[in-house]
């Protein structure tokens, strides 16, 4: 059976990004997005549903997001879903689904003036994915490795 794990989200940061470094020196940025949709109920009234999603970015992408984004900033993130599992201090097994960012685009006009920053995993080896006409400048993605080859636990 073939499977496909791809997510595209547009939303606003719910808090300032948290930048951490793994023991081997790789930057990890964790932030949360508020993504909403509007719809009409059966009675015709308008409703809004908001979902809060945790996102992890790695290496230069992590540093760029942490440097340029703040609470409320709009961003487009493209990535994959990952199940994060751990054991709580009282021994309970816990889990949550989060997004591993593979590419992103700043959506505010201020980011367009900045030029968007270096978003490739090694700083110089970035690959332009596509140009957006409004509000964001260039969009960059990681090389073919999913999360910079990182197979270690994130210290959050």
N, C-alpha and C. Protein backbone atom coordinates (compact mmCIF):
# COMPACT_ATOMS: atom_id res chain seq x y z
N UNK A 1 0.84 -1.18 0.00
CA UNK A 1 0.00 0.00 0.00
C UNK A 1 0.89 1.24 0.00
N UNK A 2 0.59 2.17 -0.84
CA UNK A 2 1.33 3.42 -0.92
C UNK A 2 0.76 4.41 0.09
N UNK A 3 1.65 5.19 0.70
CA UNK A 3 1.18 6.21 1.64
C UNK A 3 1.82 7.55 1.28
N UNK A 4 1.22 8.60 1.78
CA UNK A 4 1.66 9.96 1.48
C UNK A 4 1.47 10.79 2.73
N UNK A 5 2.53 11.47 3.17
CA UNK A 5 2.48 12.25 4.40
C UNK A 5 2.92 13.67 4.07
N UNK A 6 1.97 14.55 3.79
CA UNK A 6 2.26 15.92 3.40
C UNK A 6 1.21 16.84 3.99
N UNK A 7 1.65 17.96 4.57
CA UNK A 7 0.75 18.92 5.19
C UNK A 7 1.13 20.31 4.71
N UNK A 8 0.14 21.12 4.37
CA UNK A 8 0.36 22.52 4.04
C UNK A 8 -0.57 23.33 4.94
N UNK A 9 0.03 24.23 5.73
CA UNK A 9 -0.74 25.02 6.69
C UNK A 9 -0.43 26.50 6.51
N UNK A 10 -1.45 27.32 6.66
CA UNK A 10 -1.28 28.77 6.73
C UNK A 10 -1.96 29.22 8.00
N UNK A 11 -1.20 29.89 8.84
CA UNK A 11 -1.76 30.35 10.10
C UNK A 11 -0.88 31.39 10.75
N UNK A 12 -1.23 31.74 11.99
CA UNK A 12 -0.48 32.73 12.76
C UNK A 12 0.15 32.06 13.97
N UNK A 13 1.35 32.50 14.33
CA UNK A 13 2.02 31.97 15.51
C UNK A 13 1.23 32.36 16.75
N UNK A 14 1.05 31.41 17.67
CA UNK A 14 0.31 31.68 18.90
C UNK A 14 1.22 32.15 20.02
N UNK A 15 2.51 32.02 19.84
CA UNK A 15 3.51 32.49 20.82
C UNK A 15 4.83 32.69 20.07
N UNK A 16 5.78 33.33 20.72
CA UNK A 16 7.10 33.49 20.12
C UNK A 16 7.76 32.12 19.95
N UNK A 17 8.51 31.92 18.87
CA UNK A 17 9.18 30.63 18.65
C UNK A 17 10.22 30.37 19.73
N UNK A 18 10.40 29.09 20.09
CA UNK A 18 11.42 28.68 21.06
C UNK A 18 12.57 28.03 20.29
N UNK A 19 13.75 28.61 20.39
CA UNK A 19 14.93 28.07 19.70
C UNK A 19 15.78 27.32 20.72
N UNK A 20 16.07 26.08 20.43
CA UNK A 20 16.91 25.23 21.28
C UNK A 20 18.01 24.64 20.41
N UNK A 21 18.98 24.01 21.06
CA UNK A 21 20.06 23.34 20.35
C UNK A 21 20.18 21.92 20.88
N UNK A 22 20.27 20.94 19.97
CA UNK A 22 20.45 19.55 20.38
C UNK A 22 21.88 19.36 20.88
N UNK A 23 22.17 18.27 21.57
CA UNK A 23 23.53 18.03 22.06
C UNK A 23 24.60 18.03 20.96
N UNK A 24 24.22 17.68 19.73
CA UNK A 24 25.21 17.70 18.65
C UNK A 24 25.29 19.05 17.93
N UNK A 25 24.58 20.06 18.45
CA UNK A 25 24.70 21.42 17.93
C UNK A 25 23.69 21.83 16.87
N UNK A 26 22.70 21.00 16.58
CA UNK A 26 21.68 21.34 15.58
C UNK A 26 20.59 22.21 16.22
N UNK A 27 20.24 23.29 15.54
CA UNK A 27 19.18 24.18 16.03
C UNK A 27 17.82 23.56 15.77
N UNK A 28 16.92 23.70 16.76
CA UNK A 28 15.55 23.23 16.65
C UNK A 28 14.64 24.36 17.12
N UNK A 29 13.68 24.73 16.28
CA UNK A 29 12.73 25.78 16.63
C UNK A 29 11.35 25.16 16.73
N UNK A 30 10.71 25.33 17.87
CA UNK A 30 9.34 24.85 18.06
C UNK A 30 8.43 26.06 18.18
N UNK A 31 7.34 26.03 17.42
CA UNK A 31 6.34 27.09 17.50
C UNK A 31 4.97 26.48 17.29
N UNK A 32 3.96 27.24 17.62
CA UNK A 32 2.59 26.77 17.50
C UNK A 32 1.83 27.68 16.55
N UNK A 33 1.04 27.06 15.66
CA UNK A 33 0.22 27.81 14.70
C UNK A 33 -1.25 27.69 15.06
N UNK A 34 -1.96 28.77 14.88
CA UNK A 34 -3.42 28.76 14.95
C UNK A 34 -3.92 28.77 13.52
N UNK A 35 -4.64 27.73 13.14
CA UNK A 35 -5.18 27.60 11.80
C UNK A 35 -6.70 27.53 11.93
N UNK A 36 -7.40 28.35 11.18
CA UNK A 36 -8.85 28.38 11.34
C UNK A 36 -9.57 28.13 10.02
N UNK A 37 -10.82 27.74 10.15
CA UNK A 37 -11.69 27.62 8.98
C UNK A 37 -13.05 28.16 9.37
N UNK A 38 -13.71 28.78 8.42
CA UNK A 38 -15.05 29.32 8.66
C UNK A 38 -16.05 28.50 7.86
N UNK A 39 -17.21 28.27 8.46
CA UNK A 39 -18.25 27.49 7.80
C UNK A 39 -19.60 27.92 8.33
N UNK A 40 -20.64 27.44 7.66
CA UNK A 40 -22.01 27.74 8.08
C UNK A 40 -22.64 26.48 8.65
N UNK A 41 -23.35 26.66 9.78
CA UNK A 41 -24.12 25.57 10.38
C UNK A 41 -25.33 25.24 9.53
N UNK A 42 -26.02 24.19 9.90
CA UNK A 42 -27.25 23.81 9.20
C UNK A 42 -28.30 24.91 9.28
N UNK A 43 -28.28 25.70 10.38
CA UNK A 43 -29.24 26.78 10.53
C UNK A 43 -28.80 28.06 9.81
N UNK A 44 -27.63 28.03 9.14
CA UNK A 44 -27.18 29.18 8.36
C UNK A 44 -26.27 30.14 9.10
N UNK A 45 -26.05 29.93 10.38
CA UNK A 45 -25.18 30.84 11.12
C UNK A 45 -23.71 30.52 10.83
N UNK A 46 -22.92 31.58 10.82
CA UNK A 46 -21.50 31.45 10.52
C UNK A 46 -20.74 31.00 11.77
N UNK A 47 -19.81 30.07 11.60
CA UNK A 47 -18.99 29.56 12.70
C UNK A 47 -17.52 29.56 12.29
N UNK A 48 -16.66 29.59 13.29
CA UNK A 48 -15.23 29.48 13.05
C UNK A 48 -14.67 28.38 13.94
N UNK A 49 -13.84 27.53 13.35
CA UNK A 49 -13.19 26.45 14.08
C UNK A 49 -11.69 26.70 14.03
N UNK A 50 -11.04 26.71 15.19
CA UNK A 50 -9.60 26.97 15.25
C UNK A 50 -8.89 25.72 15.76
N UNK A 51 -7.78 25.39 15.10
CA UNK A 51 -6.95 24.25 15.48
C UNK A 51 -5.56 24.80 15.80
N UNK A 52 -4.96 24.32 16.90
CA UNK A 52 -3.62 24.74 17.30
C UNK A 52 -2.66 23.59 17.02
N UNK A 53 -1.61 23.87 16.26
CA UNK A 53 -0.70 22.83 15.78
C UNK A 53 0.73 23.18 16.14
N UNK A 54 1.45 22.23 16.76
CA UNK A 54 2.87 22.40 17.06
C UNK A 54 3.69 22.09 15.81
N UNK A 55 4.73 22.89 15.58
CA UNK A 55 5.60 22.72 14.42
C UNK A 55 7.05 22.75 14.89
N UNK A 56 7.87 21.84 14.35
CA UNK A 56 9.32 21.84 14.59
C UNK A 56 10.04 22.13 13.29
N UNK A 57 11.02 23.02 13.34
CA UNK A 57 11.89 23.31 12.20
C UNK A 57 13.33 23.06 12.67
N UNK A 58 14.21 22.69 11.76
CA UNK A 58 15.57 22.33 12.10
C UNK A 58 16.60 23.19 11.36
N UNK A 59 17.81 23.22 11.91
CA UNK A 59 19.00 23.82 11.31
C UNK A 59 18.78 25.30 10.98
N UNK A 60 19.17 25.73 9.77
CA UNK A 60 19.06 27.14 9.39
C UNK A 60 17.61 27.60 9.35
N UNK A 61 16.71 26.71 8.96
CA UNK A 61 15.29 27.07 8.97
C UNK A 61 14.86 27.47 10.37
N UNK A 62 15.29 26.71 11.36
CA UNK A 62 14.94 27.00 12.75
C UNK A 62 15.46 28.37 13.16
N UNK A 63 16.71 28.66 12.83
CA UNK A 63 17.31 29.94 13.19
C UNK A 63 16.61 31.10 12.51
N UNK A 64 16.24 30.93 11.24
CA UNK A 64 15.57 31.99 10.48
C UNK A 64 14.19 32.28 11.05
N UNK A 65 13.43 31.24 11.34
CA UNK A 65 12.09 31.43 11.90
C UNK A 65 12.19 32.11 13.26
N UNK A 66 13.11 31.65 14.11
CA UNK A 66 13.25 32.24 15.45
C UNK A 66 13.68 33.71 15.37
N UNK A 67 14.48 34.05 14.39
CA UNK A 67 14.99 35.42 14.26
C UNK A 67 13.92 36.37 13.72
N UNK A 68 13.08 35.92 12.81
CA UNK A 68 12.17 36.83 12.11
C UNK A 68 10.71 36.76 12.52
N UNK A 69 10.30 35.72 13.24
CA UNK A 69 8.89 35.55 13.56
C UNK A 69 8.61 35.84 15.03
N UNK A 70 7.43 36.36 15.30
CA UNK A 70 6.98 36.60 16.67
C UNK A 70 5.52 36.20 16.78
N UNK A 71 5.00 36.22 17.98
CA UNK A 71 3.59 35.90 18.20
C UNK A 71 2.71 36.73 17.27
N UNK A 72 1.77 36.06 16.59
CA UNK A 72 0.86 36.73 15.68
C UNK A 72 1.32 36.79 14.24
N UNK A 73 2.58 36.47 13.96
CA UNK A 73 3.10 36.53 12.59
C UNK A 73 2.46 35.45 11.72
N UNK A 74 2.07 35.82 10.49
CA UNK A 74 1.52 34.81 9.58
C UNK A 74 2.63 34.06 8.85
N UNK A 75 2.43 32.77 8.63
CA UNK A 75 3.43 31.94 7.95
C UNK A 75 2.74 30.79 7.23
N UNK A 76 3.31 30.37 6.12
CA UNK A 76 2.90 29.17 5.41
C UNK A 76 3.97 28.12 5.70
N UNK A 77 3.54 26.94 6.14
CA UNK A 77 4.46 25.85 6.46
C UNK A 77 4.05 24.63 5.66
N UNK A 78 5.03 24.00 5.03
CA UNK A 78 4.80 22.75 4.33
C UNK A 78 5.69 21.71 4.98
N UNK A 79 5.13 20.55 5.29
CA UNK A 79 5.93 19.55 5.97
C UNK A 79 5.23 18.22 6.05
N UNK A 80 5.57 17.46 7.09
CA UNK A 80 5.02 16.12 7.28
C UNK A 80 4.58 15.95 8.74
N UNK A 81 3.63 15.05 8.95
CA UNK A 81 3.17 14.75 10.30
C UNK A 81 4.12 13.77 10.97
N UNK A 82 4.29 13.94 12.29
CA UNK A 82 5.12 13.04 13.07
C UNK A 82 4.44 12.79 14.41
N UNK A 83 4.45 11.54 14.85
CA UNK A 83 3.91 11.18 16.15
C UNK A 83 5.04 11.29 17.17
N UNK A 84 4.87 12.16 18.15
CA UNK A 84 5.85 12.37 19.21
C UNK A 84 5.36 11.61 20.43
N UNK A 85 6.15 10.66 20.94
CA UNK A 85 5.76 9.85 22.10
C UNK A 85 6.79 10.01 23.21
N UNK A 86 6.31 10.04 24.47
CA UNK A 86 7.20 10.14 25.61
C UNK A 86 6.47 9.60 26.83
N UNK A 87 7.22 9.46 27.90
CA UNK A 87 6.64 9.01 29.16
C UNK A 87 6.69 10.17 30.15
N UNK A 88 5.55 10.44 30.79
CA UNK A 88 5.48 11.55 31.74
C UNK A 88 6.26 11.20 33.01
N UNK A 89 6.43 12.19 33.88
CA UNK A 89 7.18 11.98 35.12
C UNK A 89 6.51 10.96 36.03
N UNK A 90 5.21 10.82 35.93
CA UNK A 90 4.52 9.83 36.77
C UNK A 90 4.32 8.49 36.04
N UNK A 91 5.04 8.28 34.94
CA UNK A 91 5.05 6.99 34.26
C UNK A 91 3.98 6.77 33.21
N UNK A 92 3.14 7.75 32.95
CA UNK A 92 2.09 7.60 31.93
C UNK A 92 2.68 7.80 30.54
N UNK A 93 2.24 6.99 29.58
CA UNK A 93 2.67 7.16 28.19
C UNK A 93 1.86 8.28 27.58
N UNK A 94 2.53 9.21 26.94
CA UNK A 94 1.89 10.37 26.32
C UNK A 94 2.28 10.42 24.85
N UNK A 95 1.46 11.09 24.03
CA UNK A 95 1.79 11.27 22.62
C UNK A 95 1.03 12.46 22.05
N UNK A 96 1.56 13.01 20.98
CA UNK A 96 0.86 14.05 20.24
C UNK A 96 1.40 14.06 18.81
N UNK A 97 0.59 14.58 17.93
CA UNK A 97 1.00 14.70 16.53
C UNK A 97 1.49 16.12 16.32
N UNK A 98 2.63 16.26 15.65
CA UNK A 98 3.15 17.58 15.32
C UNK A 98 3.60 17.57 13.87
N UNK A 99 3.95 18.74 13.38
CA UNK A 99 4.41 18.89 11.99
C UNK A 99 5.91 19.15 12.00
N UNK A 100 6.63 18.44 11.14
CA UNK A 100 8.04 18.71 10.90
C UNK A 100 8.09 19.58 9.64
N UNK A 101 8.57 20.82 9.79
CA UNK A 101 8.60 21.76 8.68
C UNK A 101 9.68 21.35 7.67
N UNK A 102 9.30 21.28 6.42
CA UNK A 102 10.26 21.01 5.35
C UNK A 102 10.49 22.25 4.50
N UNK A 103 9.52 23.14 4.47
CA UNK A 103 9.68 24.44 3.82
C UNK A 103 8.70 25.41 4.46
N UNK A 104 8.96 26.69 4.28
CA UNK A 104 8.07 27.70 4.83
C UNK A 104 8.17 28.97 4.01
N UNK A 105 7.21 29.84 4.21
CA UNK A 105 7.20 31.14 3.56
C UNK A 105 6.62 32.17 4.51
N UNK A 106 7.34 33.27 4.71
CA UNK A 106 6.80 34.37 5.49
C UNK A 106 5.69 35.02 4.68
N UNK A 107 4.61 35.40 5.33
CA UNK A 107 3.46 35.95 4.61
C UNK A 107 3.21 37.43 4.85
N UNK A 108 3.86 38.05 5.80
CA UNK A 108 3.64 39.47 6.04
C UNK A 108 4.49 40.30 5.10
N UNK A 109 4.08 41.55 4.86
CA UNK A 109 4.81 42.42 3.94
C UNK A 109 6.20 42.76 4.46
N UNK A 110 6.39 42.78 5.78
CA UNK A 110 7.71 43.05 6.35
C UNK A 110 8.70 41.98 5.93
N UNK A 111 8.27 40.72 5.86
CA UNK A 111 9.15 39.62 5.46
C UNK A 111 9.58 39.78 4.02
N UNK A 112 8.70 40.32 3.14
CA UNK A 112 9.06 40.51 1.75
C UNK A 112 10.21 41.49 1.65
N UNK A 113 10.21 42.54 2.46
CA UNK A 113 11.29 43.51 2.44
C UNK A 113 12.58 42.90 2.97
N UNK A 114 12.48 41.97 3.94
CA UNK A 114 13.66 41.29 4.48
C UNK A 114 14.31 40.40 3.43
N UNK A 115 13.52 39.89 2.50
CA UNK A 115 14.02 38.91 1.56
C UNK A 115 13.78 37.48 2.03
N UNK A 116 13.24 37.30 3.22
CA UNK A 116 12.85 35.97 3.65
C UNK A 116 13.91 35.20 4.38
N UNK A 117 15.16 35.53 4.25
CA UNK A 117 16.19 34.84 5.01
C UNK A 117 16.67 33.56 4.37
N UNK A 118 17.71 32.99 4.93
CA UNK A 118 18.29 31.73 4.49
C UNK A 118 17.51 30.60 5.11
N UNK A 119 16.91 29.74 4.29
CA UNK A 119 16.06 28.72 4.85
C UNK A 119 16.54 27.31 4.54
N UNK A 120 17.67 27.16 3.88
CA UNK A 120 18.20 25.84 3.57
C UNK A 120 18.88 25.24 4.78
N UNK A 121 19.08 23.92 4.80
CA UNK A 121 19.64 23.27 5.97
C UNK A 121 21.10 23.62 6.24
N UNK A 122 21.85 24.03 5.24
CA UNK A 122 23.26 24.36 5.48
C UNK A 122 23.57 25.83 5.26
N UNK A 123 22.56 26.66 5.10
CA UNK A 123 22.76 28.09 4.96
C UNK A 123 23.03 28.51 3.53
N UNK A 124 23.89 27.82 2.82
CA UNK A 124 24.21 28.21 1.46
C UNK A 124 23.57 27.33 0.42
N UNK A 125 23.13 26.16 0.80
CA UNK A 125 22.57 25.22 -0.14
C UNK A 125 21.05 25.25 -0.07
N UNK A 126 20.47 26.35 -0.48
CA UNK A 126 19.02 26.44 -0.44
C UNK A 126 18.46 26.27 -1.84
N UNK A 127 17.24 25.80 -1.91
CA UNK A 127 16.61 25.51 -3.18
C UNK A 127 15.30 26.28 -3.25
N UNK A 128 15.15 27.13 -4.25
CA UNK A 128 13.91 27.90 -4.38
C UNK A 128 12.82 26.99 -4.91
N UNK A 129 11.70 26.96 -4.23
CA UNK A 129 10.61 26.10 -4.63
C UNK A 129 9.69 26.82 -5.59
N UNK A 130 9.21 28.00 -5.19
CA UNK A 130 8.36 28.79 -6.09
C UNK A 130 8.28 30.22 -5.60
N UNK A 131 7.90 31.09 -6.45
CA UNK A 131 7.75 32.50 -6.13
C UNK A 131 6.27 32.77 -5.89
N UNK A 132 5.94 33.47 -4.84
CA UNK A 132 4.57 33.86 -4.55
C UNK A 132 4.38 35.31 -4.96
N UNK A 133 3.23 35.63 -5.49
CA UNK A 133 2.98 36.98 -5.96
C UNK A 133 2.64 37.96 -4.86
N UNK A 134 2.08 37.50 -3.74
CA UNK A 134 1.63 38.42 -2.72
C UNK A 134 2.24 38.09 -1.37
N UNK A 135 2.74 39.11 -0.72
CA UNK A 135 3.02 39.09 0.69
C UNK A 135 4.08 38.18 1.21
N UNK A 136 4.95 37.58 0.42
CA UNK A 136 5.85 36.68 1.09
C UNK A 136 7.23 36.57 0.53
N UNK A 137 7.48 37.03 -0.66
CA UNK A 137 8.81 36.84 -1.20
C UNK A 137 9.04 35.40 -1.59
N UNK A 138 10.29 34.95 -1.50
CA UNK A 138 10.65 33.60 -1.93
C UNK A 138 10.33 32.57 -0.88
N UNK A 139 10.17 31.35 -1.34
CA UNK A 139 9.90 30.24 -0.44
C UNK A 139 11.01 29.22 -0.64
N UNK A 140 11.57 28.73 0.45
CA UNK A 140 12.69 27.82 0.38
C UNK A 140 12.36 26.54 1.11
N UNK A 141 13.07 25.48 0.77
CA UNK A 141 12.86 24.22 1.45
C UNK A 141 14.19 23.56 1.76
N UNK A 142 14.11 22.53 2.58
CA UNK A 142 15.30 21.77 2.93
C UNK A 142 15.74 20.93 1.74
N UNK A 143 16.94 20.40 1.82
CA UNK A 143 17.39 19.46 0.80
C UNK A 143 16.58 18.18 0.95
N UNK A 144 16.97 17.13 0.28
CA UNK A 144 16.16 15.91 0.25
C UNK A 144 16.07 15.19 1.59
N UNK A 145 16.87 15.55 2.58
CA UNK A 145 16.74 14.91 3.90
C UNK A 145 15.57 15.52 4.63
N UNK A 146 14.79 14.69 5.31
CA UNK A 146 13.55 15.14 5.94
C UNK A 146 13.78 16.16 7.04
N UNK A 147 14.63 15.83 8.00
CA UNK A 147 14.82 16.74 9.14
C UNK A 147 16.30 16.96 9.40
N UNK A 148 17.09 17.05 8.32
CA UNK A 148 18.50 17.29 8.47
C UNK A 148 19.26 16.08 8.97
N UNK A 149 18.68 14.89 8.83
CA UNK A 149 19.35 13.67 9.27
C UNK A 149 19.35 13.50 10.78
N UNK A 150 18.44 14.15 11.46
CA UNK A 150 18.46 14.13 12.92
C UNK A 150 17.59 12.99 13.41
N UNK A 151 18.19 12.06 14.14
CA UNK A 151 17.46 10.93 14.69
C UNK A 151 17.65 10.89 16.20
N UNK A 152 17.57 12.03 16.84
CA UNK A 152 17.75 12.06 18.28
C UNK A 152 16.56 12.75 18.91
N UNK A 153 16.44 12.57 20.19
CA UNK A 153 15.32 13.15 20.92
C UNK A 153 15.50 14.66 21.03
N UNK A 154 14.42 15.39 20.86
CA UNK A 154 14.46 16.84 20.96
C UNK A 154 14.31 17.22 22.42
N UNK A 155 15.22 18.04 22.94
CA UNK A 155 15.19 18.37 24.38
C UNK A 155 14.20 19.46 24.76
N UNK A 156 12.89 19.23 24.57
CA UNK A 156 11.87 20.21 24.94
C UNK A 156 11.19 19.76 26.19
